[in-house]
Amino acid sequence: MRDLHDGICGELDAAPTQVDLYRRNLQRVFVELLGTQANRTDTGSDLPAAARAELRRLLDLVKKSVDNAKDPVTRAHLEDLSARIDRALDPRGKGQG
């Protein structure tokens, strides 16, 4: 999971943060796939727990990166990622506790 994170979201650690179109698309797909896995209900795998942990880690990073966004498009992307991750972590919309 760490290798995927570093390869897909590495630029979120940079300041200023800038994410190009292709990377934005890749990051959105990564979040969607993690969300799908995090919300699986079968008990035969540790993948749901690993996906949920990665989503939480990514959410912390995204929230920290918003203020470092180099341009309005990157800022909007980071805010959108944050909303997508929130939905993935709480698909019923009841709040995270």
PDB file of N, CA and C in Angstrom:
ATOM      1  N   MET A   1       0.832  -1.191   0.000  1.00  0.00           N
ATOM      2  CA  MET A   1       0.000   0.000   0.000  1.00  0.00           C
ATOM      3  C   MET A   1       0.877   1.256   0.000  1.00  0.00           C
ATOM      4  N   ARG A   2       1.984   1.181   0.724  1.00  0.00           N
ATOM      5  CA  ARG A   2       2.881   2.340   0.783  1.00  0.00           C
ATOM      6  C   ARG A   2       3.444   2.667  -0.602  1.00  0.00           C
ATOM      7  N   ASP A   3       3.818   1.635  -1.364  1.00  0.00           N
ATOM      8  CA  ASP A   3       4.342   1.856  -2.709  1.00  0.00           C
ATOM      9  C   ASP A   3       3.298   2.503  -3.610  1.00  0.00           C
ATOM     10  N   LEU A   4       2.058   2.037  -3.528  1.00  0.00           N
ATOM     11  CA  LEU A   4       0.983   2.648  -4.313  1.00  0.00           C
ATOM     12  C   LEU A   4       0.789   4.106  -3.916  1.00  0.00           C
ATOM     13  N   HIS A   5       0.746   4.340  -2.618  1.00  0.00           N
ATOM     14  CA  HIS A   5       0.577   5.705  -2.117  1.00  0.00           C
ATOM     15  C   HIS A   5       1.683   6.621  -2.641  1.00  0.00           C
ATOM     16  N   ASP A   6       2.930   6.175  -2.491  1.00  0.00           N
ATOM     17  CA  ASP A   6       4.054   6.999  -2.920  1.00  0.00           C
ATOM     18  C   ASP A   6       4.030   7.245  -4.429  1.00  0.00           C
ATOM     19  N   GLY A   7       3.659   6.238  -5.189  1.00  0.00           N
ATOM     20  CA  GLY A   7       3.641   6.373  -6.638  1.00  0.00           C
ATOM     21  C   GLY A   7       2.491   7.209  -7.167  1.00  0.00           C
ATOM     22  N   ILE A   8       1.364   7.183  -6.483  1.00  0.00           N
ATOM     23  CA  ILE A   8       0.169   7.870  -6.972  1.00  0.00           C
ATOM     24  C   ILE A   8      -0.013   9.244  -6.340  1.00  0.00           C
ATOM     25  N   CYS A   9       0.406   9.409  -5.106  1.00  0.00           N
ATOM     26  CA  CYS A   9       0.109  10.644  -4.371  1.00  0.00           C
ATOM     27  C   CYS A   9       1.359  11.367  -3.885  1.00  0.00           C
ATOM     28  N   GLY A  10       2.496  11.024  -4.414  1.00  0.00           N
ATOM     29  CA  GLY A  10       3.756  11.581  -3.930  1.00  0.00           C
ATOM     30  C   GLY A  10       3.834  13.093  -3.964  1.00  0.00           C
ATOM     31  N   GLU A  11       3.239  13.717  -4.976  1.00  0.00           N
ATOM     32  CA  GLU A  11       3.345  15.175  -5.082  1.00  0.00           C
ATOM     33  C   GLU A  11       2.541  15.922  -4.024  1.00  0.00           C
ATOM     34  N   LEU A  12       1.698  15.218  -3.284  1.00  0.00           N
ATOM     35  CA  LEU A  12       0.923  15.889  -2.242  1.00  0.00           C
ATOM     36  C   LEU A  12       1.797  16.292  -1.056  1.00  0.00           C
ATOM     37  N   ASP A  13       2.991  15.710  -0.975  1.00  0.00           N
ATOM     38  CA  ASP A  13       3.930  16.083   0.088  1.00  0.00           C
ATOM     39  C   ASP A  13       4.726  17.340  -0.252  1.00  0.00           C
ATOM     40  N   ALA A  14       4.679  17.760  -1.504  1.00  0.00           N
ATOM     41  CA  ALA A  14       5.473  18.914  -1.946  1.00  0.00           C
ATOM     42  C   ALA A  14       4.763  20.224  -1.611  1.00  0.00           C
ATOM     43  N   ALA A  15       5.555  21.263  -1.440  1.00  0.00           N
ATOM     44  CA  ALA A  15       4.993  22.608  -1.254  1.00  0.00           C
ATOM     45  C   ALA A  15       5.749  23.542  -2.186  1.00  0.00           C
ATOM     46  N   PRO A  16       5.108  24.233  -3.070  1.00  0.00           N
ATOM     47  CA  PRO A  16       3.660  24.207  -3.282  1.00  0.00           C
ATOM     48  C   PRO A  16       3.219  22.915  -3.970  1.00  0.00           C
ATOM     49  N   THR A  17       1.960  22.570  -3.734  1.00  0.00           N
ATOM     50  CA  THR A  17       1.399  21.351  -4.299  1.00  0.00           C
ATOM     51  C   THR A  17       0.734  21.670  -5.627  1.00  0.00           C
ATOM     52  N   GLN A  18       1.132  20.925  -6.643  1.00  0.00           N
ATOM     53  CA  GLN A  18       0.510  21.061  -7.955  1.00  0.00           C
ATOM     54  C   GLN A  18       0.302  19.673  -8.525  1.00  0.00           C
ATOM     55  N   VAL A  19      -0.924  19.411  -9.006  1.00  0.00           N
ATOM     56  CA  VAL A  19      -1.269  18.102  -9.546  1.00  0.00           C
ATOM     57  C   VAL A  19      -1.815  18.307 -10.958  1.00  0.00           C
ATOM     58  N   ASP A  20      -1.171  17.667 -11.950  1.00  0.00           N
ATOM     59  CA  ASP A  20      -1.633  17.846 -13.328  1.00  0.00           C
ATOM     60  C   ASP A  20      -2.848  16.962 -13.613  1.00  0.00           C
ATOM     61  N   LEU A  21      -3.452  17.158 -14.775  1.00  0.00           N
ATOM     62  CA  LEU A  21      -4.694  16.483 -15.146  1.00  0.00           C
ATOM     63  C   LEU A  21      -4.591  14.966 -15.038  1.00  0.00           C
ATOM     64  N   TYR A  22      -3.531  14.398 -15.555  1.00  0.00           N
ATOM     65  CA  TYR A  22      -3.397  12.942 -15.555  1.00  0.00           C
ATOM     66  C   TYR A  22      -3.250  12.397 -14.141  1.00  0.00           C
ATOM     67  N   ARG A  23      -2.516  13.083 -13.314  1.00  0.00           N
ATOM     68  CA  ARG A  23      -2.345  12.667 -11.922  1.00  0.00           C
ATOM     69  C   ARG A  23      -3.644  12.845 -11.136  1.00  0.00           C
ATOM     70  N   ARG A  24      -4.394  13.911 -11.426  1.00  0.00           N
ATOM     71  CA  ARG A  24      -5.691  14.099 -10.753  1.00  0.00           C
ATOM     72  C   ARG A  24      -6.607  12.927 -11.058  1.00  0.00           C
ATOM     73  N   ASN A  25      -6.654  12.522 -12.339  1.00  0.00           N
ATOM     74  CA  ASN A  25      -7.497  11.380 -12.716  1.00  0.00           C
ATOM     75  C   ASN A  25      -7.043  10.109 -12.008  1.00  0.00           C
ATOM     76  N   LEU A  26      -5.752   9.877 -11.965  1.00  0.00           N
ATOM     77  CA  LEU A  26      -5.199   8.700 -11.293  1.00  0.00           C
ATOM     78  C   LEU A  26      -5.544   8.699  -9.809  1.00  0.00           C
ATOM     79  N   GLN A  27      -5.425   9.842  -9.171  1.00  0.00           N
ATOM     80  CA  GLN A  27      -5.737   9.939  -7.742  1.00  0.00           C
ATOM     81  C   GLN A  27      -7.215   9.704  -7.469  1.00  0.00           C
ATOM     82  N   ARG A  28      -8.086  10.215  -8.342  1.00  0.00           N
ATOM     83  CA  ARG A  28      -9.525   9.972  -8.162  1.00  0.00           C
ATOM     84  C   ARG A  28      -9.843   8.480  -8.272  1.00  0.00           C
ATOM     85  N   VAL A  29      -9.259   7.810  -9.259  1.00  0.00           N
ATOM     86  CA  VAL A  29      -9.496   6.374  -9.426  1.00  0.00           C
ATOM     87  C   VAL A  29      -8.970   5.602  -8.216  1.00  0.00           C
ATOM     88  N   PHE A  30      -7.796   5.984  -7.722  1.00  0.00           N
ATOM     89  CA  PHE A  30      -7.209   5.335  -6.548  1.00  0.00           C
ATOM     90  C   PHE A  30      -8.159   5.438  -5.358  1.00  0.00           C
ATOM     91  N   VAL A  31      -8.695   6.617  -5.115  1.00  0.00           N
ATOM     92  CA  VAL A  31      -9.628   6.819  -4.001  1.00  0.00           C
ATOM     93  C   VAL A  31     -10.891   5.988  -4.212  1.00  0.00           C
ATOM     94  N   GLU A  32     -11.410   5.956  -5.431  1.00  0.00           N
ATOM     95  CA  GLU A  32     -12.620   5.176  -5.697  1.00  0.00           C
ATOM     96  C   GLU A  32     -12.372   3.678  -5.474  1.00  0.00           C
ATOM     97  N   LEU A  33     -11.240   3.180  -5.931  1.00  0.00           N
ATOM     98  CA  LEU A  33     -10.918   1.766  -5.718  1.00  0.00           C
ATOM     99  C   LEU A  33     -10.732   1.446  -4.243  1.00  0.00           C
ATOM    100  N   LEU A  34     -10.050   2.322  -3.530  1.00  0.00           N
ATOM    101  CA  LEU A  34      -9.886   2.122  -2.092  1.00  0.00           C
ATOM    102  C   LEU A  34     -11.242   2.116  -1.394  1.00  0.00           C
ATOM    103  N   GLY A  35     -12.117   3.026  -1.794  1.00  0.00           N
ATOM    104  CA  GLY A  35     -13.449   3.085  -1.196  1.00  0.00           C
ATOM    105  C   GLY A  35     -14.244   1.824  -1.436  1.00  0.00           C
ATOM    106  N   THR A  36     -14.152   1.285  -2.643  1.00  0.00           N
ATOM    107  CA  THR A  36     -14.843   0.031  -2.961  1.00  0.00           C
ATOM    108  C   THR A  36     -14.330  -1.100  -2.074  1.00  0.00           C
ATOM    109  N   GLN A  37     -13.032  -1.179  -1.919  1.00  0.00           N
ATOM    110  CA  GLN A  37     -12.449  -2.240  -1.103  1.00  0.00           C
ATOM    111  C   GLN A  37     -12.735  -2.037   0.390  1.00  0.00           C
ATOM    112  N   ALA A  38     -12.690  -0.791   0.844  1.00  0.00           N
ATOM    113  CA  ALA A  38     -12.917  -0.501   2.262  1.00  0.00           C
ATOM    114  C   ALA A  38     -14.326  -0.873   2.701  1.00  0.00           C
ATOM    115  N   ASN A  39     -15.257  -0.858   1.772  1.00  0.00           N
ATOM    116  CA  ASN A  39     -16.647  -1.116   2.125  1.00  0.00           C
ATOM    117  C   ASN A  39     -17.107  -2.530   1.800  1.00  0.00           C
ATOM    118  N   ARG A  40     -16.164  -3.414   1.488  1.00  0.00           N
ATOM    119  CA  ARG A  40     -16.503  -4.830   1.310  1.00  0.00           C
ATOM    120  C   ARG A  40     -16.885  -5.417   2.665  1.00  0.00           C
ATOM    121  N   THR A  41     -17.808  -6.353   2.651  1.00  0.00           N
ATOM    122  CA  THR A  41     -18.277  -6.919   3.910  1.00  0.00           C
ATOM    123  C   THR A  41     -17.814  -8.349   4.140  1.00  0.00           C
ATOM    124  N   ASP A  42     -17.133  -8.952   3.164  1.00  0.00           N
ATOM    125  CA  ASP A  42     -16.662 -10.323   3.382  1.00  0.00           C
ATOM    126  C   ASP A  42     -15.533 -10.321   4.409  1.00  0.00           C
ATOM    127  N   THR A  43     -15.348 -11.440   5.058  1.00  0.00           N
ATOM    128  CA  THR A  43     -14.373 -11.518   6.149  1.00  0.00           C
ATOM    129  C   THR A  43     -13.116 -12.296   5.786  1.00  0.00           C
ATOM    130  N   GLY A  44     -12.948 -12.642   4.529  1.00  0.00           N
ATOM    131  CA  GLY A  44     -11.831 -13.475   4.135  1.00  0.00           C
ATOM    132  C   GLY A  44     -10.582 -12.730   3.727  1.00  0.00           C
ATOM    133  N   SER A  45     -10.512 -11.430   4.003  1.00  0.00           N
ATOM    134  CA  SER A  45      -9.374 -10.654   3.536  1.00  0.00           C
ATOM    135  C   SER A  45      -9.092  -9.493   4.477  1.00  0.00           C
ATOM    136  N   ASP A  46      -7.832  -9.099   4.520  1.00  0.00           N
ATOM    137  CA  ASP A  46      -7.446  -7.892   5.271  1.00  0.00           C
ATOM    138  C   ASP A  46      -7.496  -6.645   4.404  1.00  0.00           C
ATOM    139  N   LEU A  47      -7.832  -6.808   3.120  1.00  0.00           N
ATOM    140  CA  LEU A  47      -7.845  -5.666   2.212  1.00  0.00           C
ATOM    141  C   LEU A  47      -8.797  -4.550   2.643  1.00  0.00           C
ATOM    142  N   PRO A  48      -9.997  -4.843   3.121  1.00  0.00           N
ATOM    143  CA  PRO A  48     -10.857  -3.743   3.559  1.00  0.00           C
ATOM    144  C   PRO A  48     -10.213  -2.887   4.660  1.00  0.00           C
ATOM    145  N   ALA A  49      -9.574  -3.515   5.619  1.00  0.00           N
ATOM    146  CA  ALA A  49      -8.927  -2.757   6.696  1.00  0.00           C
ATOM    147  C   ALA A  49      -7.750  -1.951   6.159  1.00  0.00           C
ATOM    148  N   ALA A  50      -6.975  -2.539   5.264  1.00  0.00           N
ATOM    149  CA  ALA A  50      -5.831  -1.826   4.681  1.00  0.00           C
ATOM    150  C   ALA A  50      -6.304  -0.654   3.830  1.00  0.00           C
ATOM    151  N   ALA A  51      -7.374  -0.850   3.082  1.00  0.00           N
ATOM    152  CA  ALA A  51      -7.913   0.229   2.247  1.00  0.00           C
ATOM    153  C   ALA A  51      -8.444   1.362   3.123  1.00  0.00           C
ATOM    154  N   ARG A  52      -9.142   1.025   4.192  1.00  0.00           N
ATOM    155  CA  ARG A  52      -9.675   2.052   5.099  1.00  0.00           C
ATOM    156  C   ARG A  52      -8.538   2.831   5.763  1.00  0.00           C
ATOM    157  N   ALA A  53      -7.496   2.134   6.168  1.00  0.00           N
ATOM    158  CA  ALA A  53      -6.342   2.814   6.778  1.00  0.00           C
ATOM    159  C   ALA A  53      -5.675   3.748   5.777  1.00  0.00           C
ATOM    160  N   GLU A  54      -5.552   3.310   4.536  1.00  0.00           N
ATOM    161  CA  GLU A  54      -4.946   4.167   3.509  1.00  0.00           C
ATOM    162  C   GLU A  54      -5.817   5.383   3.229  1.00  0.00           C
ATOM    163  N   LEU A  55      -7.125   5.199   3.203  1.00  0.00           N
ATOM    164  CA  LEU A  55      -8.018   6.343   3.000  1.00  0.00           C
ATOM    165  C   LEU A  55      -7.856   7.373   4.119  1.00  0.00           C
ATOM    166  N   ARG A  56      -7.743   6.919   5.346  1.00  0.00           N
ATOM    167  CA  ARG A  56      -7.554   7.853   6.471  1.00  0.00           C
ATOM    168  C   ARG A  56      -6.215   8.577   6.357  1.00  0.00           C
ATOM    169  N   ARG A  57      -5.174   7.823   6.005  1.00  0.00           N
ATOM    170  CA  ARG A  57      -3.848   8.423   5.824  1.00  0.00           C
ATOM    171  C   ARG A  57      -3.890   9.466   4.707  1.00  0.00           C
ATOM    172  N   LEU A  58      -4.529   9.104   3.595  1.00  0.00           N
ATOM    173  CA  LEU A  58      -4.620  10.015   2.457  1.00  0.00           C
ATOM    174  C   LEU A  58      -5.456  11.244   2.797  1.00  0.00           C
ATOM    175  N   LEU A  59      -6.519  11.071   3.558  1.00  0.00           N
ATOM    176  CA  LEU A  59      -7.356  12.207   3.949  1.00  0.00           C
ATOM    177  C   LEU A  59      -6.559  13.210   4.767  1.00  0.00           C
ATOM    178  N   ASP A  60      -5.765  12.736   5.700  1.00  0.00           N
ATOM    179  CA  ASP A  60      -4.913  13.644   6.481  1.00  0.00           C
ATOM    180  C   ASP A  60      -3.968  14.416   5.578  1.00  0.00           C
ATOM    181  N   LEU A  61      -3.355  13.730   4.627  1.00  0.00           N
ATOM    182  CA  LEU A  61      -2.413  14.375   3.717  1.00  0.00           C
ATOM    183  C   LEU A  61      -3.113  15.387   2.818  1.00  0.00           C
ATOM    184  N   VAL A  62      -4.261  15.025   2.297  1.00  0.00           N
ATOM    185  CA  VAL A  62      -5.013  15.926   1.417  1.00  0.00           C
ATOM    186  C   VAL A  62      -5.406  17.197   2.165  1.00  0.00           C
ATOM    187  N   LYS A  63      -5.894  17.051   3.375  1.00  0.00           N
ATOM    188  CA  LYS A  63      -6.301  18.225   4.153  1.00  0.00           C
ATOM    189  C   LYS A  63      -5.123  19.159   4.434  1.00  0.00           C
ATOM    190  N   LYS A  64      -3.952  18.590   4.662  1.00  0.00           N
ATOM    191  CA  LYS A  64      -2.756  19.403   4.881  1.00  0.00           C
ATOM    192  C   LYS A  64      -2.287  20.073   3.597  1.00  0.00           C
ATOM    193  N   SER A  65      -2.527  19.438   2.463  1.00  0.00           N
ATOM    194  CA  SER A  65      -2.036  19.932   1.177  1.00  0.00           C
ATOM    195  C   SER A  65      -2.893  21.050   0.596  1.00  0.00           C
ATOM    196  N   VAL A  66      -4.140  21.158   0.995  1.00  0.00           N
ATOM    197  CA  VAL A  66      -5.046  22.162   0.410  1.00  0.00           C
ATOM    198  C   VAL A  66      -4.462  23.562   0.521  1.00  0.00           C
ATOM    199  N   ASP A  67      -3.928  23.908   1.664  1.00  0.00           N
ATOM    200  CA  ASP A  67      -3.389  25.256   1.844  1.00  0.00           C
ATOM    201  C   ASP A  67      -2.113  25.493   1.041  1.00  0.00           C
ATOM    202  N   ASN A  68      -1.477  24.419   0.577  1.00  0.00           N
ATOM    203  CA  ASN A  68      -0.259  24.548  -0.219  1.00  0.00           C
ATOM    204  C   ASN A  68      -0.517  24.468  -1.718  1.00  0.00           C
ATOM    205  N   ALA A  69      -1.795  24.412  -2.113  1.00  0.00           N
ATOM    206  CA  ALA A  69      -2.127  24.279  -3.530  1.00  0.00           C
ATOM    207  C   ALA A  69      -1.568  25.460  -4.317  1.00  0.00           C
ATOM    208  N   LYS A  70      -0.893  25.148  -5.409  1.00  0.00           N
ATOM    209  CA  LYS A  70      -0.251  26.178  -6.226  1.00  0.00           C
ATOM    210  C   LYS A  70      -1.245  26.922  -7.095  1.00  0.00           C
ATOM    211  N   ASP A  71      -2.360  26.285  -7.429  1.00  0.00           N
ATOM    212  CA  ASP A  71      -3.325  26.897  -8.342  1.00  0.00           C
ATOM    213  C   ASP A  71      -4.743  26.492  -7.943  1.00  0.00           C
ATOM    214  N   PRO A  72      -5.744  27.221  -8.462  1.00  0.00           N
ATOM    215  CA  PRO A  72      -7.139  26.931  -8.091  1.00  0.00           C
ATOM    216  C   PRO A  72      -7.612  25.537  -8.510  1.00  0.00           C
ATOM    217  N   VAL A  73      -7.102  25.023  -9.621  1.00  0.00           N
ATOM    218  CA  VAL A  73      -7.520  23.692 -10.068  1.00  0.00           C
ATOM    219  C   VAL A  73      -7.014  22.631  -9.098  1.00  0.00           C
ATOM    220  N   THR A  74      -5.785  22.754  -8.654  1.00  0.00           N
ATOM    221  CA  THR A  74      -5.249  21.808  -7.677  1.00  0.00           C
ATOM    222  C   THR A  74      -6.017  21.899  -6.376  1.00  0.00           C
ATOM    223  N   ARG A  75      -6.327  23.110  -5.928  1.00  0.00           N
ATOM    224  CA  ARG A  75      -7.111  23.283  -4.698  1.00  0.00           C
ATOM    225  C   ARG A  75      -8.473  22.604  -4.824  1.00  0.00           C
ATOM    226  N   ALA A  76      -9.140  22.823  -5.949  1.00  0.00           N
ATOM    227  CA  ALA A  76     -10.457  22.200  -6.164  1.00  0.00           C
ATOM    228  C   ALA A  76     -10.336  20.678  -6.177  1.00  0.00           C
ATOM    229  N   HIS A  77      -9.284  20.180  -6.805  1.00  0.00           N
ATOM    230  CA  HIS A  77      -9.057  18.732  -6.845  1.00  0.00           C
ATOM    231  C   HIS A  77      -8.880  18.172  -5.430  1.00  0.00           C
ATOM    232  N   LEU A  78      -8.084  18.830  -4.629  1.00  0.00           N
ATOM    233  CA  LEU A  78      -7.833  18.353  -3.264  1.00  0.00           C
ATOM    234  C   LEU A  78      -9.105  18.403  -2.422  1.00  0.00           C
ATOM    235  N   GLU A  79      -9.893  19.447  -2.581  1.00  0.00           N
ATOM    236  CA  GLU A  79     -11.159  19.530  -1.856  1.00  0.00           C
ATOM    237  C   GLU A  79     -12.112  18.426  -2.306  1.00  0.00           C
ATOM    238  N   ASP A  80     -12.110  18.140  -3.615  1.00  0.00           N
ATOM    239  CA  ASP A  80     -12.937  17.062  -4.149  1.00  0.00           C
ATOM    240  C   ASP A  80     -12.469  15.709  -3.617  1.00  0.00           C
ATOM    241  N   LEU A  81     -11.160  15.477  -3.598  1.00  0.00           N
ATOM    242  CA  LEU A  81     -10.633  14.224  -3.050  1.00  0.00           C
ATOM    243  C   LEU A  81     -11.054  14.055  -1.595  1.00  0.00           C
ATOM    244  N   SER A  82     -10.982  15.127  -0.838  1.00  0.00           N
ATOM    245  CA  SER A  82     -11.382  15.079   0.560  1.00  0.00           C
ATOM    246  C   SER A  82     -12.844  14.643   0.690  1.00  0.00           C
ATOM    247  N   ALA A  83     -13.716  15.218  -0.131  1.00  0.00           N
ATOM    248  CA  ALA A  83     -15.136  14.861  -0.099  1.00  0.00           C
ATOM    249  C   ALA A  83     -15.345  13.409  -0.517  1.00  0.00           C
ATOM    250  N   ARG A  84     -14.624  12.962  -1.531  1.00  0.00           N
ATOM    251  CA  ARG A  84     -14.739  11.572  -1.985  1.00  0.00           C
ATOM    252  C   ARG A  84     -14.295  10.602  -0.888  1.00  0.00           C
ATOM    253  N   ILE A  85     -13.208  10.944  -0.220  1.00  0.00           N
ATOM    254  CA  ILE A  85     -12.709  10.078   0.851  1.00  0.00           C
ATOM    255  C   ILE A  85     -13.695  10.048   2.012  1.00  0.00           C
ATOM    256  N   ASP A  86     -14.239  11.206   2.363  1.00  0.00           N
ATOM    257  CA  ASP A  86     -15.258  11.240   3.426  1.00  0.00           C
ATOM    258  C   ASP A  86     -16.424  10.321   3.090  1.00  0.00           C
ATOM    259  N   ARG A  87     -16.887  10.366   1.840  1.00  0.00           N
ATOM    260  CA  ARG A  87     -18.007   9.508   1.412  1.00  0.00           C
ATOM    261  C   ARG A  87     -17.597   8.029   1.483  1.00  0.00           C
ATOM    262  N   ALA A  88     -16.376   7.727   1.078  1.00  0.00           N
ATOM    263  CA  ALA A  88     -15.915   6.332   1.111  1.00  0.00           C
ATOM    264  C   ALA A  88     -15.833   5.803   2.533  1.00  0.00           C
ATOM    265  N   LEU A  89     -15.384   6.654   3.448  1.00  0.00           N
ATOM    266  CA  LEU A  89     -15.245   6.237   4.843  1.00  0.00           C
ATOM    267  C   LEU A  89     -16.583   6.166   5.557  1.00  0.00           C
ATOM    268  N   ASP A  90     -17.555   6.912   5.067  1.00  0.00           N
ATOM    269  CA  ASP A  90     -18.876   6.936   5.699  1.00  0.00           C
ATOM    270  C   ASP A  90     -19.951   6.959   4.603  1.00  0.00           C
ATOM    271  N   PRO A  91     -20.145   5.835   3.911  1.00  0.00           N
ATOM    272  CA  PRO A  91     -21.061   5.836   2.765  1.00  0.00           C
ATOM    273  C   PRO A  91     -22.502   6.167   3.108  1.00  0.00           C
ATOM    274  N   ARG A  92     -22.880   6.021   4.359  1.00  0.00           N
ATOM    275  CA  ARG A  92     -24.255   6.329   4.749  1.00  0.00           C
ATOM    276  C   ARG A  92     -24.429   7.777   5.164  1.00  0.00           C
ATOM    277  N   GLY A  93     -23.336   8.520   5.248  1.00  0.00           N
ATOM    278  CA  GLY A  93     -23.411   9.934   5.553  1.00  0.00           C
ATOM    279  C   GLY A  93     -23.752  10.253   6.985  1.00  0.00           C
ATOM    280  N   LYS A  94     -23.387   9.383   7.916  1.00  0.00           N
ATOM    281  CA  LYS A  94     -23.752   9.592   9.311  1.00  0.00           C
ATOM    282  C   LYS A  94     -22.665  10.312  10.110  1.00  0.00           C
ATOM    283  N   GLY A  95     -21.587  10.690   9.459  1.00  0.00           N
ATOM    284  CA  GLY A  95     -20.503  11.327  10.201  1.00  0.00           C
ATOM    285  C   GLY A  95     -19.514  10.291  10.681  1.00  0.00           C
ATOM    286  N   GLN A  96     -18.282  10.709  10.908  1.00  0.00           N
ATOM    287  CA  GLN A  96     -17.244   9.757  11.262  1.00  0.00           C
ATOM    288  C   GLN A  96     -17.107   9.533  12.762  1.00  0.00           C
ATOM    289  N   GLY A  97     -17.950  10.088  13.511  1.00  0.00           N
ATOM    290  CA  GLY A  97     -17.928   9.716  14.904  1.00  0.00           C
ATOM    291  C   GLY A  97     -17.434  10.755  15.795  1.00  0.00           C
TER     292      GLY A  97
END
